[in-house]
C-alpha atoms as a PDB file:
ATOM      1  CA  UNK A   1      61.025 -36.413 -12.331  1.00  0.00           C
ATOM      2  CA  UNK A   2      63.112 -33.668 -14.015  1.00  0.00           C
ATOM      3  CA  UNK A   3      62.512 -30.373 -13.008  1.00  0.00           C
ATOM      4  CA  UNK A   4      61.712 -29.602 -16.452  1.00  0.00           C
ATOM      5  CA  UNK A   5      58.340 -32.320 -16.151  1.00  0.00           C
ATOM      6  CA  UNK A   6      57.400 -31.090 -12.487  1.00  0.00           C
ATOM      7  CA  UNK A   7      57.235 -27.363 -14.757  1.00  0.00           C
ATOM      8  CA  UNK A   8      54.295 -28.742 -17.620  1.00  0.00           C
ATOM      9  CA  UNK A   9      53.059 -31.234 -15.374  1.00  0.00           C
ATOM     10  CA  UNK A  10      52.480 -28.105 -12.744  1.00  0.00           C
ATOM     11  CA  UNK A  11      51.230 -25.764 -15.590  1.00  0.00           C
ATOM     12  CA  UNK A  12      48.912 -28.523 -16.860  1.00  0.00           C
ATOM     13  CA  UNK A  13      47.421 -28.828 -13.312  1.00  0.00           C
ATOM     14  CA  UNK A  14      46.988 -25.182 -13.073  1.00  0.00           C
ATOM     15  CA  UNK A  15      44.995 -25.448 -16.237  1.00  0.00           C
ATOM     16  CA  UNK A  16      42.859 -27.900 -15.073  1.00  0.00           C
ATOM     17  CA  UNK A  17      42.336 -26.458 -12.210  1.00  0.00           C
ATOM     18  CA  UNK A  18      41.662 -22.910 -13.715  1.00  0.00           C
ATOM     19  CA  UNK A  19      38.905 -25.068 -15.926  1.00  0.00           C
ATOM     20  CA  UNK A  20      36.808 -26.027 -12.615  1.00  0.00           C
ATOM     21  CA  UNK A  21      36.837 -22.814 -11.308  1.00  0.00           C
ATOM     22  CA  UNK A  22      35.721 -21.883 -14.844  1.00  0.00           C
ATOM     23  CA  UNK A  23      32.643 -24.616 -14.657  1.00  0.00           C
ATOM     24  CA  UNK A  24      31.845 -24.236 -10.867  1.00  0.00           C
ATOM     25  CA  UNK A  25      31.542 -20.226 -11.467  1.00  0.00           C
ATOM     26  CA  UNK A  26      29.534 -20.946 -14.817  1.00  0.00           C
ATOM     27  CA  UNK A  27      27.139 -23.111 -13.229  1.00  0.00           C
ATOM     28  CA  UNK A  28      26.456 -21.222  -9.730  1.00  0.00           C
ATOM     29  CA  UNK A  29      25.215 -18.186 -12.255  1.00  0.00           C
ATOM     30  CA  UNK A  30      23.281 -20.066 -14.337  1.00  0.00           C
ATOM     31  CA  UNK A  31      21.979 -21.866 -11.224  1.00  0.00           C
ATOM     32  CA  UNK A  32      21.555 -18.090  -9.525  1.00  0.00           C
ATOM     33  CA  UNK A  33      19.852 -16.544 -12.745  1.00  0.00           C
ATOM     34  CA  UNK A  34      17.358 -19.859 -12.887  1.00  0.00           C
ATOM     35  CA  UNK A  35      16.589 -18.794  -8.961  1.00  0.00           C
ATOM     36  CA  UNK A  36      16.008 -15.674 -10.146  1.00  0.00           C
ATOM     37  CA  UNK A  37      14.036 -15.728 -12.282  1.00  0.00           C
ATOM     38  CA  UNK A  38      11.536 -18.307 -11.037  1.00  0.00           C
ATOM     39  CA  UNK A  39      11.099 -15.730  -8.524  1.00  0.00           C
ATOM     40  CA  UNK A  40       8.965 -13.404 -10.732  1.00  0.00           C
ATOM     41  CA  UNK A  41       7.247 -16.493 -13.064  1.00  0.00           C
ATOM     42  CA  UNK A  42       3.860 -17.114 -10.078  1.00  0.00           C
ATOM     43  CA  UNK A  43       3.105 -13.498 -10.693  1.00  0.00           C
ATOM     44  CA  UNK A  44       3.497 -13.568 -14.117  1.00  0.00           C
ATOM     45  CA  UNK A  45       1.464 -15.875 -14.293  1.00  0.00           C
ATOM     46  CA  UNK A  46      -1.763 -13.966 -11.875  1.00  0.00           C
ATOM     47  CA  UNK A  47      -0.308 -10.766 -14.006  1.00  0.00           C
ATOM     48  CA  UNK A  48      -1.281 -12.349 -17.200  1.00  0.00           C
ATOM     49  CA  UNK A  49      -5.101 -13.492 -16.073  1.00  0.00           C
ATOM     50  CA  UNK A  50      -5.225 -10.900 -14.906  1.00  0.00           C
ATOM     51  CA  UNK A  51      -4.347  -8.944 -18.151  1.00  0.00           C
ATOM     52  CA  UNK A  52      -6.452 -11.772 -20.105  1.00  0.00           C
ATOM     53  CA  UNK A  53      -9.345 -10.567 -17.325  1.00  0.00           C
ATOM     54  CA  UNK A  54      -8.834  -6.535 -18.130  1.00  0.00           C
ATOM     55  CA  UNK A  55      -8.899  -7.166 -22.244  1.00  0.00           C
ATOM     56  CA  UNK A  56     -12.255  -8.797 -22.295  1.00  0.00           C
ATOM     57  CA  UNK A  57     -13.754  -6.368 -20.293  1.00  0.00           C
ATOM     58  CA  UNK A  58     -11.910  -3.587 -22.392  1.00  0.00           C
ATOM     59  CA  UNK A  59     -13.430  -5.513 -25.787  1.00  0.00           C
ATOM     60  CA  UNK A  60     -16.651  -5.424 -24.315  1.00  0.00           C
ATOM     61  CA  UNK A  61     -16.857  -1.871 -23.617  1.00  0.00           C
ATOM     62  CA  UNK A  62     -15.620  -1.344 -26.957  1.00  0.00           C
ATOM     63  CA  UNK A  63     -18.340  -3.390 -28.875  1.00  0.00           C
ATOM     64  CA  UNK A  64     -21.057  -1.352 -26.117  1.00  0.00           C
ATOM     65  CA  UNK A  65     -19.356   2.271 -26.380  1.00  0.00           C
ATOM     66  CA  UNK A  66     -22.755   2.599 -27.994  1.00  0.00           C
ATOM     67  CA  UNK A  67     -25.060   2.333 -25.014  1.00  0.00           C
ATOM     68  CA  UNK A  68     -23.136   5.290 -23.771  1.00  0.00           C
ATOM     69  CA  UNK A  69     -25.666   7.959 -24.966  1.00  0.00           C
ATOM     70  CA  UNK A  70     -24.534  11.088 -22.851  1.00  0.00           C
ATOM     71  CA  UNK A  71     -20.586  13.038 -23.133  1.00  0.00           C
ATOM     72  CA  UNK A  72     -19.963  11.574 -19.484  1.00  0.00           C
ATOM     73  CA  UNK A  73     -20.888   8.212 -19.756  1.00  0.00           C
ATOM     74  CA  UNK A  74     -19.105   7.835 -23.258  1.00  0.00           C
ATOM     75  CA  UNK A  75     -15.752  10.227 -21.058  1.00  0.00           C
ATOM     76  CA  UNK A  76     -16.354   7.396 -18.327  1.00  0.00           C
ATOM     77  CA  UNK A  77     -16.918   4.597 -20.885  1.00  0.00           C
ATOM     78  CA  UNK A  78     -13.467   5.460 -22.906  1.00  0.00           C
ATOM     79  CA  UNK A  79     -11.418   6.766 -19.412  1.00  0.00           C
ATOM     80  CA  UNK A  80     -12.490   2.698 -18.504  1.00  0.00           C
ATOM     81  CA  UNK A  81     -11.304   1.512 -21.449  1.00  0.00           C
ATOM     82  CA  UNK A  82      -7.397   2.882 -21.354  1.00  0.00           C
ATOM     83  CA  UNK A  83      -7.231   2.157 -18.037  1.00  0.00           C
ATOM     84  CA  UNK A  84      -8.394  -2.103 -18.952  1.00  0.00           C
ATOM     85  CA  UNK A  85      -5.924  -1.388 -22.061  1.00  0.00           C
ATOM     86  CA  UNK A  86      -2.875   0.367 -20.455  1.00  0.00           C
ATOM     87  CA  UNK A  87      -2.403  -0.309 -17.230  1.00  0.00           C
ATOM     88  CA  UNK A  88      -1.899  -3.958 -17.256  1.00  0.00           C
ATOM     89  CA  UNK A  89       0.173  -3.668 -20.227  1.00  0.00           C
ATOM     90  CA  UNK A  90       2.464  -1.452 -18.195  1.00  0.00           C
ATOM     91  CA  UNK A  91       2.499  -4.108 -15.152  1.00  0.00           C
ATOM     92  CA  UNK A  92       3.167  -6.970 -17.677  1.00  0.00           C
ATOM     93  CA  UNK A  93       6.680  -4.632 -19.150  1.00  0.00           C
ATOM     94  CA  UNK A  94       7.651  -3.892 -15.562  1.00  0.00           C
ATOM     95  CA  UNK A  95       7.905  -7.355 -14.856  1.00  0.00           C
ATOM     96  CA  UNK A  96       9.506  -9.147 -18.142  1.00  0.00           C
ATOM     97  CA  UNK A  97      12.079  -6.143 -17.669  1.00  0.00           C
ATOM     98  CA  UNK A  98      12.908  -7.738 -14.190  1.00  0.00           C
ATOM     99  CA  UNK A  99      12.533 -11.142 -14.811  1.00  0.00           C
ATOM    100  CA  UNK A 100      14.800 -10.281 -18.353  1.00  0.00           C
ATOM    101  CA  UNK A 101      17.877  -9.142 -16.445  1.00  0.00           C
ATOM    102  CA  UNK A 102      20.909 -11.700 -17.286  1.00  0.00           C
ATOM    103  CA  UNK A 103      23.544 -11.937 -14.640  1.00  0.00           C
ATOM    104  CA  UNK A 104      25.620 -13.317 -17.421  1.00  0.00           C
ATOM    105  CA  UNK A 105      26.582 -10.747 -19.307  1.00  0.00           C
ATOM    106  CA  UNK A 106      26.546  -8.330 -16.782  1.00  0.00           C
ATOM    107  CA  UNK A 107      29.071  -7.549 -13.926  1.00  0.00           C
ATOM    108  CA  UNK A 108      28.059  -7.737 -10.375  1.00  0.00           C
ATOM    109  CA  UNK A 109      27.611  -3.892 -10.428  1.00  0.00           C
ATOM    110  CA  UNK A 110      25.311  -3.504 -13.458  1.00  0.00           C
ATOM    111  CA  UNK A 111      23.307  -5.973 -12.885  1.00  0.00           C
ATOM    112  CA  UNK A 112      22.513  -4.147  -9.506  1.00  0.00           C
ATOM    113  CA  UNK A 113      22.258  -1.390 -10.946  1.00  0.00           C
ATOM    114  CA  UNK A 114      19.487  -3.087 -14.192  1.00  0.00           C
ATOM    115  CA  UNK A 115      18.040  -5.162 -10.959  1.00  0.00           C
ATOM    116  CA  UNK A 116      17.187  -1.661  -8.486  1.00  0.00           C
ATOM    117  CA  UNK A 117      16.052   1.121 -12.171  1.00  0.00           C
ATOM    118  CA  UNK A 118      13.404  -2.442 -12.830  1.00  0.00           C
ATOM    119  CA  UNK A 119      12.172  -2.294  -9.379  1.00  0.00           C
ATOM    120  CA  UNK A 120      11.626   0.665  -8.718  1.00  0.00           C
ATOM    121  CA  UNK A 121       9.627   1.016 -12.132  1.00  0.00           C
ATOM    122  CA  UNK A 122       7.925  -2.515 -10.859  1.00  0.00           C
ATOM    123  CA  UNK A 123       6.949  -1.058  -7.839  1.00  0.00           C
ATOM    124  CA  UNK A 124       5.733   2.799  -9.171  1.00  0.00           C
ATOM    125  CA  UNK A 125       3.265   0.635 -11.812  1.00  0.00           C
ATOM    126  CA  UNK A 126       2.137  -1.285  -8.499  1.00  0.00           C
ATOM    127  CA  UNK A 127       1.039   1.919  -6.677  1.00  0.00           C
ATOM    128  CA  UNK A 128      -0.094   3.624  -9.746  1.00  0.00           C
ATOM    129  CA  UNK A 129      -2.552   0.751 -10.236  1.00  0.00           C
ATOM    130  CA  UNK A 130      -3.408   0.901  -6.443  1.00  0.00           C
ATOM    131  CA  UNK A 131      -4.317   4.052  -6.723  1.00  0.00           C
ATOM    132  CA  UNK A 132      -6.049   4.070 -10.206  1.00  0.00           C
ATOM    133  CA  UNK A 133      -7.972   1.080  -9.483  1.00  0.00           C
ATOM    134  CA  UNK A 134      -9.836   3.244  -6.529  1.00  0.00           C
ATOM    135  CA  UNK A 135     -10.639   6.028  -9.084  1.00  0.00           C
ATOM    136  CA  UNK A 136     -11.757   2.950 -11.600  1.00  0.00           C
ATOM    137  CA  UNK A 137     -14.375   1.631  -9.170  1.00  0.00           C
ATOM    138  CA  UNK A 138     -15.796   5.363  -9.772  1.00  0.00           C
ATOM    139  CA  UNK A 139     -15.430   5.582 -13.198  1.00  0.00           C
ATOM    140  CA  UNK A 140     -16.782   2.062 -14.392  1.00  0.00           C
ATOM    141  CA  UNK A 141     -19.834   2.090 -12.040  1.00  0.00           C
ATOM    142  CA  UNK A 142     -21.864   4.777 -14.245  1.00  0.00           C
ATOM    143  CA  UNK A 143     -20.492   2.809 -17.283  1.00  0.00           C
ATOM    144  CA  UNK A 144     -22.036  -0.930 -16.584  1.00  0.00           C
ATOM    145  CA  UNK A 145     -25.186   0.699 -14.949  1.00  0.00           C
ATOM    146  CA  UNK A 146     -25.621   1.934 -18.390  1.00  0.00           C
ATOM    147  CA  UNK A 147     -24.702  -0.969 -20.503  1.00  0.00           C
ATOM    148  CA  UNK A 148     -25.789  -3.691 -18.516  1.00  0.00           C
ATOM    149  CA  UNK A 149     -29.542  -2.118 -16.932  1.00  0.00           C
ATOM    150  CA  UNK A 150     -29.658   1.125 -20.119  1.00  0.00           C
ATOM    151  CA  UNK A 151     -30.329   2.930 -16.727  1.00  0.00           C
ATOM    152  CA  UNK A 152     -28.326   7.125 -16.156  1.00  0.00           C
ATOM    153  CA  UNK A 153     -26.297   6.072 -13.096  1.00  0.00           C
ATOM    154  CA  UNK A 154     -26.719   9.872 -12.482  1.00  0.00           C
ATOM    155  CA  UNK A 155     -30.038  10.376 -13.196  1.00  0.00           C
ATOM    156  CA  UNK A 156     -31.410   7.471 -11.218  1.00  0.00           C
ATOM    157  CA  UNK A 157     -32.632   6.958  -7.676  1.00  0.00           C
ATOM    158  CA  UNK A 158     -29.760   4.687  -5.879  1.00  0.00           C
ATOM    159  CA  UNK A 159     -30.983   2.932  -2.657  1.00  0.00           C
ATOM    160  CA  UNK A 160     -28.716   2.530   0.948  1.00  0.00           C
ATOM    161  CA  UNK A 161     -27.295  -0.731   0.020  1.00  0.00           C
ATOM    162  CA  UNK A 162     -25.502   1.426  -2.872  1.00  0.00           C
ATOM    163  CA  UNK A 163     -23.694   3.443  -0.091  1.00  0.00           C
ATOM    164  CA  UNK A 164     -22.703   0.736   2.184  1.00  0.00           C
ATOM    165  CA  UNK A 165     -21.543  -1.370  -0.736  1.00  0.00           C
ATOM    166  CA  UNK A 166     -18.881   1.255  -1.710  1.00  0.00           C
ATOM    167  CA  UNK A 167     -17.560   1.598   1.664  1.00  0.00           C
ATOM    168  CA  UNK A 168     -16.475  -2.067   2.051  1.00  0.00           C
ATOM    169  CA  UNK A 169     -15.468  -2.168  -1.470  1.00  0.00           C
ATOM    170  CA  UNK A 170     -13.148   0.561  -1.214  1.00  0.00           C
ATOM    171  CA  UNK A 171     -12.007  -1.159   2.727  1.00  0.00           C
ATOM    172  CA  UNK A 172     -11.727  -4.573   0.745  1.00  0.00           C
ATOM    173  CA  UNK A 173      -9.713  -2.943  -1.916  1.00  0.00           C
ATOM    174  CA  UNK A 174      -7.294  -0.984   0.872  1.00  0.00           C
ATOM    175  CA  UNK A 175      -6.676  -4.314   2.171  1.00  0.00           C
ATOM    176  CA  UNK A 176      -5.805  -5.539  -0.530  1.00  0.00           C
ATOM    177  CA  UNK A 177      -4.038  -3.224  -2.159  1.00  0.00           C
ATOM    178  CA  UNK A 178      -1.464  -3.858   0.218  1.00  0.00           C
ATOM    179  CA  UNK A 179      -1.608  -7.303   1.012  1.00  0.00           C
ATOM    180  CA  UNK A 180      -0.603  -7.644  -2.887  1.00  0.00           C
ATOM    181  CA  UNK A 181       2.017  -4.529  -2.790  1.00  0.00           C
ATOM    182  CA  UNK A 182       4.002  -6.345   0.304  1.00  0.00           C
ATOM    183  CA  UNK A 183       3.824  -9.538  -1.887  1.00  0.00           C
ATOM    184  CA  UNK A 184       5.335  -8.005  -4.784  1.00  0.00           C
ATOM    185  CA  UNK A 185       8.044  -6.023  -2.378  1.00  0.00           C
ATOM    186  CA  UNK A 186       8.731  -9.651  -0.221  1.00  0.00           C
ATOM    187  CA  UNK A 187       9.313 -10.888  -4.361  1.00  0.00           C
ATOM    188  CA  UNK A 188      11.741  -8.207  -5.480  1.00  0.00           C
ATOM    189  CA  UNK A 189      13.457  -8.496  -1.787  1.00  0.00           C
ATOM    190  CA  UNK A 190      14.024 -12.209  -1.805  1.00  0.00           C
ATOM    191  CA  UNK A 191      15.417 -11.720  -5.955  1.00  0.00           C
ATOM    192  CA  UNK A 192      17.909  -9.147  -5.053  1.00  0.00           C
ATOM    193  CA  UNK A 193      19.056 -11.426  -2.120  1.00  0.00           C
ATOM    194  CA  UNK A 194      19.486 -13.949  -4.387  1.00  0.00           C
ATOM    195  CA  UNK A 195      21.258 -11.723  -6.665  1.00  0.00           C
ATOM    196  CA  UNK A 196      24.085 -10.492  -3.345  1.00  0.00           C
ATOM    197  CA  UNK A 197      25.058 -14.004  -2.853  1.00  0.00           C
ATOM    198  CA  UNK A 198      26.517 -13.721  -6.253  1.00  0.00           C
ATOM    199  CA  UNK A 199      28.976 -10.784  -4.422  1.00  0.00           C
ATOM    200  CA  UNK A 200      30.431 -13.799  -1.737  1.00  0.00           C
END
């Protein structure tokens, strides 16, 4: 075999190896993108169900807003409606943003920076939701009391059961919120580990 033929053969083999490497790299990135995206599918389903429940409750309150016949009940009703409409939108937006991160179009550093921003926003939204849910419990009680039983929560007599029920509800809410937040942290940390695998 002449030197020229060997050079040509070597050049063709190099191109073939480069082509294989490009295909392998693309396959790895596609698989990583799929694994990363799948991490957020479960919480997106749960949050979508939660959003439908919140929107349904908000519509119910809007329809019955006329029953809130004092300024303070009307104020509590409007605050509750805003909460039920706004928080699910913020949560779904932050999940969608972190899930949409495109690994193929960004370099490694841009991907990690984009992920860090989206993760921070998602966890902040979750913390905000936790704090606001405690406020919502207090705000929604007078509203539902008036709409469902036609009784003004602030002027009616309350049984001892209520004063037992409220602390139990807050304790349950505290532990449930903590568990939910830990799940979010675990999922985002796991997604971050998937991204870091690209470095090696």
